[in-house]
PDB file of N, CA and C in Angstrom:
ATOM      1  N   MET A   1       0.843  -1.177   0.000  1.00  0.00           N
ATOM      2  CA  MET A   1       0.000   0.000   0.000  1.00  0.00           C
ATOM      3  C   MET A   1       0.888   1.239   0.000  1.00  0.00           C
ATOM      4  N   ASN A   2       0.541   2.194  -0.821  1.00  0.00           N
ATOM      5  CA  ASN A   2       1.249   3.473  -0.866  1.00  0.00           C
ATOM      6  C   ASN A   2       0.463   4.525  -0.105  1.00  0.00           C
ATOM      7  N   PHE A   3       1.173   5.509   0.384  1.00  0.00           N
ATOM      8  CA  PHE A   3       0.580   6.662   1.051  1.00  0.00           C
ATOM      9  C   PHE A   3       0.934   7.883   0.222  1.00  0.00           C
ATOM     10  N   TYR A   4      -0.011   8.800   0.103  1.00  0.00           N
ATOM     11  CA  TYR A   4       0.182   9.968  -0.746  1.00  0.00           C
ATOM     12  C   TYR A   4       0.076  11.247   0.069  1.00  0.00           C
ATOM     13  N   VAL A   5       1.009  12.148  -0.148  1.00  0.00           N
ATOM     14  CA  VAL A   5       0.922  13.507   0.374  1.00  0.00           C
ATOM     15  C   VAL A   5       0.372  14.328  -0.781  1.00  0.00           C
ATOM     16  N   TYR A   6      -0.598  15.174  -0.490  1.00  0.00           N
ATOM     17  CA  TYR A   6      -1.241  15.914  -1.569  1.00  0.00           C
ATOM     18  C   TYR A   6      -1.496  17.361  -1.158  1.00  0.00           C
ATOM     19  N   ALA A   7      -1.656  18.203  -2.161  1.00  0.00           N
ATOM     20  CA  ALA A   7      -2.047  19.594  -1.942  1.00  0.00           C
ATOM     21  C   ALA A   7      -3.255  19.860  -2.834  1.00  0.00           C
ATOM     22  N   ILE A   8      -4.243  20.522  -2.253  1.00  0.00           N
ATOM     23  CA  ILE A   8      -5.437  20.896  -3.017  1.00  0.00           C
ATOM     24  C   ILE A   8      -5.644  22.403  -2.885  1.00  0.00           C
ATOM     25  N   TYR A   9      -6.356  22.953  -3.828  1.00  0.00           N
ATOM     26  CA  TYR A   9      -6.560  24.397  -3.943  1.00  0.00           C
ATOM     27  C   TYR A   9      -8.029  24.630  -4.267  1.00  0.00           C
ATOM     28  N   ASN A  10      -8.637  25.675  -3.686  1.00  0.00           N
ATOM     29  CA  ASN A  10     -10.026  25.977  -4.049  1.00  0.00           C
ATOM     30  C   ASN A  10     -10.150  27.351  -4.697  1.00  0.00           C
ATOM     31  N   ASN A  11     -11.354  27.666  -5.150  1.00  0.00           N
ATOM     32  CA  ASN A  11     -11.575  28.909  -5.893  1.00  0.00           C
ATOM     33  C   ASN A  11     -11.501  30.154  -5.007  1.00  0.00           C
ATOM     34  N   GLN A  12     -11.360  29.990  -3.691  1.00  0.00           N
ATOM     35  CA  GLN A  12     -11.186  31.123  -2.784  1.00  0.00           C
ATOM     36  C   GLN A  12      -9.708  31.378  -2.495  1.00  0.00           C
ATOM     37  N   GLY A  13      -8.830  30.616  -3.165  1.00  0.00           N
ATOM     38  CA  GLY A  13      -7.401  30.802  -2.990  1.00  0.00           C
ATOM     39  C   GLY A  13      -6.804  30.066  -1.806  1.00  0.00           C
ATOM     40  N   ARG A  14      -7.565  29.175  -1.195  1.00  0.00           N
ATOM     41  CA  ARG A  14      -7.088  28.399  -0.049  1.00  0.00           C
ATOM     42  C   ARG A  14      -6.312  27.177  -0.517  1.00  0.00           C
ATOM     43  N   ILE A  15      -5.292  26.802   0.232  1.00  0.00           N
ATOM     44  CA  ILE A  15      -4.521  25.590  -0.043  1.00  0.00           C
ATOM     45  C   ILE A  15      -4.594  24.698   1.183  1.00  0.00           C
ATOM     46  N   TYR A  16      -4.760  23.409   0.955  1.00  0.00           N
ATOM     47  CA  TYR A  16      -4.776  22.423   2.038  1.00  0.00           C
ATOM     48  C   TYR A  16      -3.780  21.329   1.689  1.00  0.00           C
ATOM     49  N   ILE A  17      -2.998  20.883   2.677  1.00  0.00           N
ATOM     50  CA  ILE A  17      -2.029  19.806   2.494  1.00  0.00           C
ATOM     51  C   ILE A  17      -2.403  18.675   3.442  1.00  0.00           C
ATOM     52  N   GLY A  18      -2.405  17.459   2.931  1.00  0.00           N
ATOM     53  CA  GLY A  18      -2.738  16.305   3.759  1.00  0.00           C
ATOM     54  C   GLY A  18      -2.089  15.052   3.215  1.00  0.00           C
ATOM     55  N   TYR A  19      -2.430  13.908   3.821  1.00  0.00           N
ATOM     56  CA  TYR A  19      -1.957  12.629   3.292  1.00  0.00           C
ATOM     57  C   TYR A  19      -3.077  11.614   3.374  1.00  0.00           C
ATOM     58  N   THR A  20      -3.018  10.604   2.530  1.00  0.00           N
ATOM     59  CA  THR A  20      -4.068   9.604   2.431  1.00  0.00           C
ATOM     60  C   THR A  20      -3.559   8.383   1.671  1.00  0.00           C
ATOM     61  N   VAL A  21      -4.355   7.329   1.649  1.00  0.00           N
ATOM     62  CA  VAL A  21      -4.015   6.160   0.832  1.00  0.00           C
ATOM     63  C   VAL A  21      -4.775   6.191  -0.493  1.00  0.00           C
ATOM     64  N   ASP A  22      -5.804   7.027  -0.602  1.00  0.00           N
ATOM     65  CA  ASP A  22      -6.625   7.094  -1.813  1.00  0.00           C
ATOM     66  C   ASP A  22      -6.933   8.560  -2.123  1.00  0.00           C
ATOM     67  N   VAL A  23      -6.155   9.148  -2.995  1.00  0.00           N
ATOM     68  CA  VAL A  23      -6.277  10.580  -3.300  1.00  0.00           C
ATOM     69  C   VAL A  23      -7.645  10.916  -3.898  1.00  0.00           C
ATOM     70  N   GLU A  24      -8.131  10.113  -4.829  1.00  0.00           N
ATOM     71  CA  GLU A  24      -9.415  10.415  -5.470  1.00  0.00           C
ATOM     72  C   GLU A  24     -10.566  10.384  -4.465  1.00  0.00           C
ATOM     73  N   LYS A  25     -10.582   9.383  -3.604  1.00  0.00           N
ATOM     74  CA  LYS A  25     -11.632   9.282  -2.597  1.00  0.00           C
ATOM     75  C   LYS A  25     -11.534  10.435  -1.602  1.00  0.00           C
ATOM     76  N   ARG A  26     -10.330  10.782  -1.208  1.00  0.00           N
ATOM     77  CA  ARG A  26     -10.138  11.883  -0.258  1.00  0.00           C
ATOM     78  C   ARG A  26     -10.575  13.211  -0.872  1.00  0.00           C
ATOM     79  N   LEU A  27     -10.273  13.422  -2.144  1.00  0.00           N
ATOM     80  CA  LEU A  27     -10.709  14.643  -2.827  1.00  0.00           C
ATOM     81  C   LEU A  27     -12.240  14.708  -2.878  1.00  0.00           C
ATOM     82  N   ALA A  28     -12.879  13.567  -3.099  1.00  0.00           N
ATOM     83  CA  ALA A  28     -14.347  13.525  -3.093  1.00  0.00           C
ATOM     84  C   ALA A  28     -14.898  13.913  -1.726  1.00  0.00           C
ATOM     85  N   ARG A  29     -14.229  13.520  -0.661  1.00  0.00           N
ATOM     86  CA  ARG A  29     -14.657  13.940   0.691  1.00  0.00           C
ATOM     87  C   ARG A  29     -14.469  15.447   0.882  1.00  0.00           C
ATOM     88  N   HIS A  30     -13.357  15.972   0.421  1.00  0.00           N
ATOM     89  CA  HIS A  30     -13.132  17.424   0.526  1.00  0.00           C
ATOM     90  C   HIS A  30     -14.205  18.193  -0.230  1.00  0.00           C
ATOM     91  N   ASN A  31     -14.650  17.658  -1.345  1.00  0.00           N
ATOM     92  CA  ASN A  31     -15.657  18.330  -2.175  1.00  0.00           C
ATOM     93  C   ASN A  31     -17.083  17.957  -1.802  1.00  0.00           C
ATOM     94  N   LYS A  32     -17.256  17.270  -0.672  1.00  0.00           N
ATOM     95  CA  LYS A  32     -18.574  16.915  -0.133  1.00  0.00           C
ATOM     96  C   LYS A  32     -19.355  15.965  -1.028  1.00  0.00           C
ATOM     97  N   ILE A  33     -18.674  15.244  -1.904  1.00  0.00           N
ATOM     98  CA  ILE A  33     -19.330  14.225  -2.722  1.00  0.00           C
ATOM     99  C   ILE A  33     -19.544  12.979  -1.855  1.00  0.00           C
ATOM    100  N   LEU A  34     -18.588  12.706  -0.967  1.00  0.00           N
ATOM    101  CA  LEU A  34     -18.691  11.639   0.022  1.00  0.00           C
ATOM    102  C   LEU A  34     -18.778  12.280   1.405  1.00  0.00           C
ATOM    103  N   PRO A  35     -19.317  11.573   2.389  1.00  0.00           N
ATOM    104  CA  PRO A  35     -19.425  12.144   3.741  1.00  0.00           C
ATOM    105  C   PRO A  35     -18.072  12.587   4.291  1.00  0.00           C
ATOM    106  N   SER A  36     -18.083  13.680   5.045  1.00  0.00           N
ATOM    107  CA  SER A  36     -16.871  14.241   5.626  1.00  0.00           C
ATOM    108  C   SER A  36     -17.195  14.832   6.993  1.00  0.00           C
ATOM    109  N   LYS A  37     -16.159  15.073   7.792  1.00  0.00           N
ATOM    110  CA  LYS A  37     -16.360  15.712   9.098  1.00  0.00           C
ATOM    111  C   LYS A  37     -16.768  17.167   8.892  1.00  0.00           C
ATOM    112  N   LYS A  38     -17.842  17.559   9.531  1.00  0.00           N
ATOM    113  CA  LYS A  38     -18.357  18.919   9.354  1.00  0.00           C
ATOM    114  C   LYS A  38     -17.502  19.984  10.025  1.00  0.00           C
ATOM    115  N   LYS A  39     -16.571  19.604  10.884  1.00  0.00           N
ATOM    116  CA  LYS A  39     -15.709  20.575  11.542  1.00  0.00           C
ATOM    117  C   LYS A  39     -14.350  20.696  10.877  1.00  0.00           C
ATOM    118  N   SER A  40     -14.130  19.995   9.789  1.00  0.00           N
ATOM    119  CA  SER A  40     -12.822  20.028   9.133  1.00  0.00           C
ATOM    120  C   SER A  40     -12.598  21.369   8.419  1.00  0.00           C
ATOM    121  N   PHE A  41     -11.334  21.709   8.232  1.00  0.00           N
ATOM    122  CA  PHE A  41     -10.964  22.960   7.553  1.00  0.00           C
ATOM    123  C   PHE A  41     -11.599  23.045   6.167  1.00  0.00           C
ATOM    124  N   THR A  42     -11.479  21.985   5.387  1.00  0.00           N
ATOM    125  CA  THR A  42     -11.969  22.054   4.004  1.00  0.00           C
ATOM    126  C   THR A  42     -13.493  22.072   3.939  1.00  0.00           C
ATOM    127  N   TYR A  43     -14.160  21.457   4.892  1.00  0.00           N
ATOM    128  CA  TYR A  43     -15.624  21.490   4.911  1.00  0.00           C
ATOM    129  C   TYR A  43     -16.111  22.922   5.102  1.00  0.00           C
ATOM    130  N   LYS A  44     -15.465  23.634   6.014  1.00  0.00           N
ATOM    131  CA  LYS A  44     -15.854  25.019   6.294  1.00  0.00           C
ATOM    132  C   LYS A  44     -15.514  25.961   5.131  1.00  0.00           C
ATOM    133  N   GLN A  45     -14.542  25.597   4.317  1.00  0.00           N
ATOM    134  CA  GLN A  45     -14.093  26.458   3.217  1.00  0.00           C
ATOM    135  C   GLN A  45     -14.870  26.229   1.923  1.00  0.00           C
ATOM    136  N   GLY A  46     -15.886  25.389   1.943  1.00  0.00           N
ATOM    137  CA  GLY A  46     -16.679  25.132   0.749  1.00  0.00           C
ATOM    138  C   GLY A  46     -16.110  24.004  -0.087  1.00  0.00           C
ATOM    139  N   SER A  47     -16.623  23.895  -1.294  1.00  0.00           N
ATOM    140  CA  SER A  47     -16.157  22.828  -2.174  1.00  0.00           C
ATOM    141  C   SER A  47     -15.363  23.415  -3.334  1.00  0.00           C
ATOM    142  N   ASP A  48     -15.304  22.712  -4.424  1.00  0.00           N
ATOM    143  CA  ASP A  48     -14.523  23.100  -5.597  1.00  0.00           C
ATOM    144  C   ASP A  48     -13.017  23.016  -5.326  1.00  0.00           C
ATOM    145  N   TRP A  49     -12.603  21.990  -4.563  1.00  0.00           N
ATOM    146  CA  TRP A  49     -11.179  21.739  -4.334  1.00  0.00           C
ATOM    147  C   TRP A  49     -10.613  20.988  -5.520  1.00  0.00           C
ATOM    148  N   ARG A  50      -9.413  21.386  -5.946  1.00  0.00           N
ATOM    149  CA  ARG A  50      -8.729  20.741  -7.077  1.00  0.00           C
ATOM    150  C   ARG A  50      -7.351  20.267  -6.626  1.00  0.00           C
ATOM    151  N   LEU A  51      -6.996  19.076  -7.051  1.00  0.00           N
ATOM    152  CA  LEU A  51      -5.683  18.536  -6.736  1.00  0.00           C
ATOM    153  C   LEU A  51      -4.630  19.300  -7.533  1.00  0.00           C
ATOM    154  N   ILE A  52      -3.615  19.816  -6.846  1.00  0.00           N
ATOM    155  CA  ILE A  52      -2.554  20.544  -7.547  1.00  0.00           C
ATOM    156  C   ILE A  52      -1.204  19.859  -7.410  1.00  0.00           C
ATOM    157  N   TYR A  53      -1.095  18.874  -6.463  1.00  0.00           N
ATOM    158  CA  TYR A  53       0.196  18.222  -6.273  1.00  0.00           C
ATOM    159  C   TYR A  53       0.016  16.949  -5.460  1.00  0.00           C
ATOM    160  N   SER A  54       0.816  15.913  -5.783  1.00  0.00           N
ATOM    161  CA  SER A  54       0.840  14.712  -4.943  1.00  0.00           C
ATOM    162  C   SER A  54       2.185  14.001  -5.074  1.00  0.00           C
ATOM    163  N   GLU A  55       2.553  13.306  -3.999  1.00  0.00           N
ATOM    164  CA  GLU A  55       3.775  12.506  -3.940  1.00  0.00           C
ATOM    165  C   GLU A  55       3.420  11.178  -3.294  1.00  0.00           C
ATOM    166  N   SER A  56       4.116  10.116  -3.680  1.00  0.00           N
ATOM    167  CA  SER A  56       3.849   8.780  -3.159  1.00  0.00           C
ATOM    168  C   SER A  56       4.966   8.332  -2.220  1.00  0.00           C
ATOM    169  N   TYR A  57       4.574   7.667  -1.120  1.00  0.00           N
ATOM    170  CA  TYR A  57       5.531   7.145  -0.141  1.00  0.00           C
ATOM    171  C   TYR A  57       5.161   5.722   0.236  1.00  0.00           C
ATOM    172  N   ALA A  58       6.161   4.938   0.601  1.00  0.00           N
ATOM    173  CA  ALA A  58       5.955   3.524   0.939  1.00  0.00           C
ATOM    174  C   ALA A  58       5.367   3.334   2.327  1.00  0.00           C
ATOM    175  N   THR A  59       5.608   4.270   3.246  1.00  0.00           N
ATOM    176  CA  THR A  59       5.115   4.114   4.614  1.00  0.00           C
ATOM    177  C   THR A  59       4.337   5.340   5.070  1.00  0.00           C
ATOM    178  N   ARG A  60       3.454   5.110   6.042  1.00  0.00           N
ATOM    179  CA  ARG A  60       2.666   6.200   6.622  1.00  0.00           C
ATOM    180  C   ARG A  60       3.589   7.226   7.281  1.00  0.00           C
ATOM    181  N   GLU A  61       4.617   6.743   7.972  1.00  0.00           N
ATOM    182  CA  GLU A  61       5.531   7.653   8.669  1.00  0.00           C
ATOM    183  C   GLU A  61       6.250   8.581   7.694  1.00  0.00           C
ATOM    184  N   GLU A  62       6.681   8.067   6.550  1.00  0.00           N
ATOM    185  CA  GLU A  62       7.332   8.922   5.534  1.00  0.00           C
ATOM    186  C   GLU A  62       6.358   9.990   5.045  1.00  0.00           C
ATOM    187  N   ALA A  63       5.106   9.590   4.817  1.00  0.00           N
ATOM    188  CA  ALA A  63       4.097  10.535   4.333  1.00  0.00           C
ATOM    189  C   ALA A  63       3.808  11.605   5.388  1.00  0.00           C
ATOM    190  N   ARG A  64       3.665  11.192   6.650  1.00  0.00           N
ATOM    191  CA  ARG A  64       3.419  12.161   7.725  1.00  0.00           C
ATOM    192  C   ARG A  64       4.578  13.146   7.856  1.00  0.00           C
ATOM    193  N   LYS A  65       5.788  12.626   7.767  1.00  0.00           N
ATOM    194  CA  LYS A  65       6.970  13.487   7.877  1.00  0.00           C
ATOM    195  C   LYS A  65       6.982  14.531   6.764  1.00  0.00           C
ATOM    196  N   ARG A  66       6.691  14.096   5.542  1.00  0.00           N
ATOM    197  CA  ARG A  66       6.673  15.026   4.398  1.00  0.00           C
ATOM    198  C   ARG A  66       5.522  16.022   4.531  1.00  0.00           C
ATOM    199  N   GLU A  67       4.368  15.571   4.997  1.00  0.00           N
ATOM    200  CA  GLU A  67       3.240  16.474   5.200  1.00  0.00           C
ATOM    201  C   GLU A  67       3.620  17.572   6.192  1.00  0.00           C
ATOM    202  N   ARG A  68       4.227  17.201   7.304  1.00  0.00           N
ATOM    203  CA  ARG A  68       4.656  18.190   8.296  1.00  0.00           C
ATOM    204  C   ARG A  68       5.672  19.160   7.708  1.00  0.00           C
ATOM    205  N   GLN A  69       6.588  18.626   6.897  1.00  0.00           N
ATOM    206  CA  GLN A  69       7.596  19.474   6.260  1.00  0.00           C
ATOM    207  C   GLN A  69       6.938  20.504   5.338  1.00  0.00           C
ATOM    208  N   LEU A  70       6.009  20.064   4.526  1.00  0.00           N
ATOM    209  CA  LEU A  70       5.326  20.986   3.615  1.00  0.00           C
ATOM    210  C   LEU A  70       4.502  22.023   4.380  1.00  0.00           C
ATOM    211  N   LYS A  71       3.814  21.594   5.427  1.00  0.00           N
ATOM    212  CA  LYS A  71       2.996  22.532   6.195  1.00  0.00           C
ATOM    213  C   LYS A  71       3.842  23.551   6.938  1.00  0.00           C
ATOM    214  N   SER A  72       5.011  23.166   7.370  1.00  0.00           N
ATOM    215  CA  SER A  72       5.856  24.096   8.122  1.00  0.00           C
ATOM    216  C   SER A  72       6.517  25.141   7.235  1.00  0.00           C
ATOM    217  N   SER A  73       6.577  24.904   5.934  1.00  0.00           N
ATOM    218  CA  SER A  73       7.208  25.865   5.029  1.00  0.00           C
ATOM    219  C   SER A  73       6.254  26.897   4.477  1.00  0.00           C
ATOM    220  N   ARG A  74       4.993  26.837   4.865  1.00  0.00           N
ATOM    221  CA  ARG A  74       3.984  27.772   4.359  1.00  0.00           C
ATOM    222  C   ARG A  74       4.004  29.072   5.070  1.00  0.00           C
TER     223      ARG A  74
END
């Protein structure tokens, strides 16, 4: 199983960085096509999220480390 670090962008100029095992399914959750947590950042920011970047990693720990690295450089 691969883990993916991804960045998405919406029409309000917001960027979100996260990680997942299924980028397409996760994007559908961000866009409210599939159920999502109503208190999440992307839920509150509306829909129309577009994938702008992704990277693949062999382990969850590698993906988490890269996600933290990307978030800290913003």
